[in-house]
Amino acid sequence: VVNPSNVLKTVLSLYMSDMSSSLPSLEEVLLCNQHTSEEEALLLLRRSIGDPKSKRIFCLVHAERLSFQVADNVLKGLDEMIQGHSDYRLVIICGAEADDDSHVITKLQQFLRLGFFAP
């Protein structure tokens, strides 16, 4: 969860922290809005968990903007996909503006990782 004005800076900083990697490709980042489909989000999750050698970083950006139904189904799908997998690089970034009422933020609170410095 980051300040809304820093969401895109945070995404770029993830990729710039590893100087050997390139900027993200379209298949590595999904910018969500209220029209993002469940299929689009689940495809990103599948790519991250099925990435050979788990070298790429995948980002679901502005996940707080997903509709309740899509967010709920995506989080259930993620829970099923990660069973038996521990070597994947998936980052879900939410803007803080919806901190109190976002289904995604509430559900993902248990996975919150502190210590990542974003601009």
Protein backbone atom coordinates (compact mmCIF):
# COMPACT_ATOMS: atom_id res chain seq x y z
CA VAL A 1 0.00 0.00 0.00
CA VAL A 2 1.56 3.26 -1.12
CA ASN A 3 0.56 6.87 -1.51
CA PRO A 4 -1.54 7.15 -4.69
CA SER A 5 0.84 9.70 -6.19
CA ASN A 6 3.71 7.20 -5.80
CA VAL A 7 2.13 4.09 -7.31
CA LEU A 8 3.88 4.28 -10.68
CA LYS A 9 7.17 5.39 -9.10
CA THR A 10 6.96 2.34 -6.86
CA VAL A 11 6.47 0.03 -9.83
CA LEU A 12 9.48 1.51 -11.63
CA SER A 13 11.61 1.36 -8.49
CA LEU A 14 10.95 -2.39 -8.24
CA TYR A 15 12.45 -2.88 -11.68
CA MET A 16 15.26 -0.39 -11.22
CA SER A 17 16.44 -2.05 -8.00
CA ASP A 18 17.93 -4.83 -10.14
CA MET A 19 20.27 -3.10 -12.58
CA SER A 20 20.60 -6.27 -14.67
CA SER A 21 16.90 -6.35 -15.54
CA SER A 22 15.09 -4.26 -18.09
CA LEU A 23 12.01 -2.13 -17.69
CA PRO A 24 8.79 -4.12 -17.37
CA SER A 25 7.02 -5.51 -20.41
CA LEU A 26 3.29 -5.48 -21.03
CA GLU A 27 3.02 -9.08 -19.88
CA GLU A 28 4.63 -8.27 -16.52
CA VAL A 29 2.45 -5.34 -15.39
CA LEU A 30 -1.32 -4.95 -15.28
CA LEU A 31 -2.71 -1.50 -14.45
CA CYS A 32 -6.13 -2.17 -12.97
CA ASN A 33 -9.31 -0.13 -13.08
CA GLN A 34 -12.98 -0.84 -12.43
CA HIS A 35 -13.23 -2.46 -15.90
CA THR A 36 -10.30 -4.89 -15.49
CA SER A 37 -11.59 -8.40 -15.98
CA GLU A 38 -11.02 -11.40 -13.78
CA GLU A 39 -9.40 -13.15 -16.74
CA GLU A 40 -6.83 -10.37 -17.25
CA ALA A 41 -5.80 -10.42 -13.59
CA LEU A 42 -5.69 -14.22 -13.35
CA LEU A 43 -3.53 -14.42 -16.47
CA LEU A 44 -0.96 -12.12 -14.86
CA LEU A 45 -0.98 -14.28 -11.72
CA ARG A 46 -0.52 -17.46 -13.78
CA ARG A 47 2.41 -15.90 -15.65
CA SER A 48 4.09 -14.94 -12.37
CA ILE A 49 3.68 -18.32 -10.72
CA GLY A 50 4.59 -20.24 -13.89
CA ASP A 51 7.59 -18.07 -14.78
CA PRO A 52 10.56 -20.30 -15.60
CA LYS A 53 13.38 -19.74 -13.08
CA SER A 54 11.22 -17.06 -11.38
CA LYS A 55 13.42 -14.23 -12.55
CA ARG A 56 10.85 -11.69 -13.69
CA ILE A 57 8.83 -9.43 -11.40
CA PHE A 58 5.09 -9.27 -12.06
CA CYS A 59 2.98 -6.39 -10.76
CA LEU A 60 -0.76 -6.06 -10.30
CA VAL A 61 -1.03 -2.28 -10.00
CA HIS A 62 -3.94 -0.35 -8.47
CA ALA A 63 -5.55 -3.61 -7.38
CA GLU A 64 -7.82 -1.57 -5.08
CA ARG A 65 -9.65 -0.40 -8.22
CA LEU A 66 -10.90 -3.88 -9.11
CA SER A 67 -14.60 -4.45 -8.65
CA PHE A 68 -15.53 -6.39 -5.51
CA GLN A 69 -16.51 -9.51 -7.47
CA VAL A 70 -13.39 -9.51 -9.64
CA ALA A 71 -11.13 -8.86 -6.65
CA ASP A 72 -12.75 -11.65 -4.66
CA ASN A 73 -12.40 -14.18 -7.49
CA VAL A 74 -8.81 -13.11 -8.23
CA LEU A 75 -7.79 -13.49 -4.59
CA LYS A 76 -9.42 -16.93 -4.42
CA GLY A 77 -7.61 -17.88 -7.63
CA LEU A 78 -4.31 -16.61 -6.21
CA ASP A 79 -4.81 -18.64 -3.05
CA GLU A 80 -5.33 -21.79 -5.14
CA MET A 81 -2.41 -21.06 -7.50
CA ILE A 82 0.20 -20.51 -4.81
CA GLN A 83 -0.45 -23.84 -3.10
CA GLY A 84 2.83 -25.73 -3.39
CA HIS A 85 4.67 -22.77 -4.96
CA SER A 86 7.03 -20.50 -3.13
CA ASP A 87 9.42 -19.31 -5.81
CA TYR A 88 7.59 -16.57 -7.68
CA ARG A 89 7.90 -12.79 -7.83
CA LEU A 90 4.49 -11.16 -7.64
CA VAL A 91 3.87 -7.70 -6.23
CA ILE A 92 0.38 -6.33 -5.69
CA ILE A 93 0.41 -2.56 -5.34
CA CYS A 94 -2.52 -0.58 -4.00
CA GLY A 95 -2.97 3.16 -3.62
CA ALA A 96 -3.59 4.29 -0.04
CA GLU A 97 -6.59 6.42 -1.01
CA ALA A 98 -8.88 3.41 -0.66
CA ASP A 99 -7.15 1.92 2.39
CA ASP A 100 -10.28 1.66 4.50
CA ASP A 101 -12.75 0.31 1.97
CA SER A 102 -10.75 -1.82 -0.45
CA HIS A 103 -11.59 -5.50 -0.44
CA VAL A 104 -8.16 -6.29 -1.90
CA ILE A 105 -6.25 -4.37 0.77
CA THR A 106 -8.25 -5.97 3.56
CA LYS A 107 -7.77 -9.49 2.19
CA LEU A 108 -4.07 -9.03 1.49
CA GLN A 109 -3.23 -7.44 4.83
CA GLN A 110 -1.80 -10.77 6.05
CA PHE A 111 0.76 -10.71 3.22
CA LEU A 112 1.86 -7.10 3.75
CA ARG A 113 5.64 -6.82 3.54
CA LEU A 114 7.32 -3.93 5.28
CA GLY A 115 10.79 -2.70 4.58
CA PHE A 116 10.51 -1.94 0.90
CA PHE A 117 11.38 1.68 0.40
CA ALA A 118 9.50 3.36 -2.40
CA PRO A 119 9.89 6.98 -3.42
